[in-house]
Amino acid sequence: MCVLNSDCSPPLVCGVDRLCHPECVEDRDCPPGRVCIYDLCTAPAEDMCVLNSDCAPPLICGVDRLCRPECVEDRDCPFGRVCTDGLCTAAPDAG
C-alpha cells in the first residue's frame, strides 16, 4: 500500500488504487500484456471489470478493476470472517 510516490520503490509510482505501479507514457513503456492508462501500466480494458458479476466465480472485481480472489489469508477478510477457497466466509463456531 502507498499514499505517496516516495512510498514505492523507484521507478514505481503510487496509483489511485494505493498500490505501486510502473510509470508509463506509451504502451511500449509497459511490460508485455499491459497498456498505459492515465500514466500507469495496467491490464487492457477487455481484462478489466466494474462489477463482481464481470468476473468468473469465485473471483471478485478488485479496486484496480481486475478480477482476483477476495482473499488469500484470513487477515484479508473483515473481522469475524475467514478465507475459504479465496472467499471471505463466516467463521466456524468456536464452540
Foldseek 3Di string as FASTA:
>chain_A
DADAQVVDDPPWTQDPLRDTFHFDDAQVSDDPQWTQDPRGTDHPPVQFADAQVVDDPPWGQDPSRHTDQCDDFQVSDPPQWTADPSHTHGDPDPD
